[in-house]
Amino acid sequence: MSNFTATSTDIGCQGCTLSATCQRTDGTKVPSSINLDEFIANNDGKLSKQNGGNFSASCDNIRVDSSGRLTCTATKIDGSKVPAAINLNDCIGNFEGELQCS
């Protein structure tokens, strides 16, 4: 199950680490974080889900808004820089208070 923003607050990003306060099914809220480099890739200026993607090595100005949209400036193969984005709700879920890639 994805759509982590439905049960998470205080969503933020520092470098390639996404953090949030996640609600468990019993209603308690706990902090959680996940390394986005483990499954997001920059493929010639386009962000996509890919195991071991290491997108932050070729992206700057990485931000995640409260809706779960990650934006950055991505470096293409030719060295040019382009804006890029991906909806993290499509691949990250809150599993009993823990952010996980689904």
Protein backbone atom coordinates (compact mmCIF):
# COMPACT_ATOMS: atom_id res chain seq x y z
CA MET A 1 0.00 0.00 0.00
CA SER A 2 1.46 3.33 -1.03
CA ASN A 3 0.13 6.88 -0.42
CA PHE A 4 2.17 7.59 2.71
CA THR A 5 0.91 11.19 2.91
CA ALA A 6 -2.59 10.01 3.85
CA THR A 7 -1.31 8.92 7.28
CA SER A 8 1.82 11.06 7.72
CA THR A 9 2.59 14.62 8.79
CA ASP A 10 5.73 16.76 9.17
CA ILE A 11 6.93 15.53 5.78
CA GLY A 12 10.38 16.76 4.82
CA CYS A 13 13.57 15.88 3.04
CA GLN A 14 17.20 16.44 3.93
CA GLY A 15 19.50 15.39 1.13
CA CYS A 16 18.19 12.02 -0.01
CA THR A 17 16.47 11.16 3.28
CA LEU A 18 12.69 11.50 3.46
CA SER A 19 11.30 11.91 6.96
CA ALA A 20 7.78 12.09 8.35
CA THR A 21 5.70 11.50 11.44
CA CYS A 22 3.70 8.37 10.63
CA GLN A 23 0.49 7.15 12.23
CA ARG A 24 0.14 3.50 13.20
CA THR A 25 -3.20 1.69 13.05
CA ASP A 26 -3.57 2.09 16.84
CA GLY A 27 -3.43 5.89 16.35
CA THR A 28 0.03 6.47 17.82
CA LYS A 29 2.40 8.63 15.81
CA VAL A 30 6.09 7.88 15.41
CA PRO A 31 8.97 9.44 13.46
CA SER A 32 10.21 7.55 10.44
CA SER A 33 12.71 8.08 7.64
CA ILE A 34 13.83 6.36 4.47
CA ASN A 35 16.81 6.77 2.12
CA LEU A 36 15.37 7.67 -1.28
CA ASP A 37 18.64 6.77 -3.04
CA GLU A 38 17.77 3.12 -2.45
CA PHE A 39 14.95 3.19 -5.00
CA ILE A 40 14.78 6.49 -6.97
CA ALA A 41 16.92 7.00 -10.08
CA ASN A 42 17.70 9.89 -12.40
CA ASN A 43 17.42 8.46 -15.91
CA ASP A 44 18.69 11.24 -18.18
CA GLY A 45 16.72 13.95 -16.39
CA LYS A 46 13.66 11.88 -15.51
CA LEU A 47 13.07 10.45 -12.04
CA SER A 48 11.80 6.90 -11.78
CA LYS A 49 11.52 4.04 -9.31
CA GLN A 50 14.59 1.79 -9.60
CA ASN A 51 16.35 -0.30 -6.96
CA GLY A 52 19.70 1.24 -6.03
CA GLY A 53 18.92 4.32 -8.14
CA ASN A 54 21.21 6.75 -6.26
CA PHE A 55 19.43 9.76 -7.80
CA SER A 56 20.98 12.28 -5.41
CA ALA A 57 24.42 11.80 -7.03
CA SER A 58 23.12 13.63 -10.10
CA CYS A 59 20.40 15.89 -8.65
CA ASP A 60 20.46 19.19 -6.74
CA ASN A 61 17.85 21.25 -4.88
CA ILE A 62 16.03 18.13 -3.69
CA ARG A 63 12.71 18.93 -2.02
CA VAL A 64 9.58 17.04 -0.98
CA ASP A 65 6.32 18.90 -0.40
CA SER A 66 3.46 17.90 1.91
CA SER A 67 1.65 16.18 -0.97
CA GLY A 68 4.58 13.77 -1.43
CA ARG A 69 5.91 15.30 -4.64
CA LEU A 70 9.72 15.19 -4.89
CA THR A 71 11.24 17.90 -7.07
CA CYS A 72 14.86 18.56 -7.97
CA THR A 73 17.23 19.82 -10.61
CA ALA A 74 18.48 16.75 -12.46
CA THR A 75 21.65 16.49 -14.54
CA LYS A 76 21.15 14.81 -17.90
CA ILE A 77 23.74 12.62 -19.64
CA ASP A 78 24.85 15.59 -21.78
CA GLY A 79 25.52 17.63 -18.62
CA SER A 80 22.54 19.95 -18.97
CA LYS A 81 20.29 20.51 -15.96
CA VAL A 82 16.51 20.16 -16.07
CA PRO A 83 13.68 20.28 -13.52
CA ALA A 84 12.47 16.80 -12.54
CA ALA A 85 9.75 15.42 -10.28
CA ILE A 86 8.17 12.20 -9.05
CA ASN A 87 5.14 11.51 -6.86
CA LEU A 88 6.49 9.50 -3.94
CA ASN A 89 2.95 8.40 -3.03
CA ASP A 90 3.19 6.03 -5.98
CA CYS A 91 6.02 4.07 -4.36
CA ILE A 92 6.19 4.85 -0.62
CA GLY A 93 3.78 3.64 2.02
CA ASN A 94 3.37 3.96 5.77
CA PHE A 95 3.51 0.44 7.17
CA GLU A 96 2.65 0.58 10.87
CA GLY A 97 4.61 3.76 11.37
CA GLU A 98 7.51 2.90 9.09
CA LEU A 99 8.11 4.46 5.68
CA GLN A 100 8.79 1.73 3.12
CA CYS A 101 9.08 1.44 -0.62
CA SER A 102 6.25 -0.70 -1.93
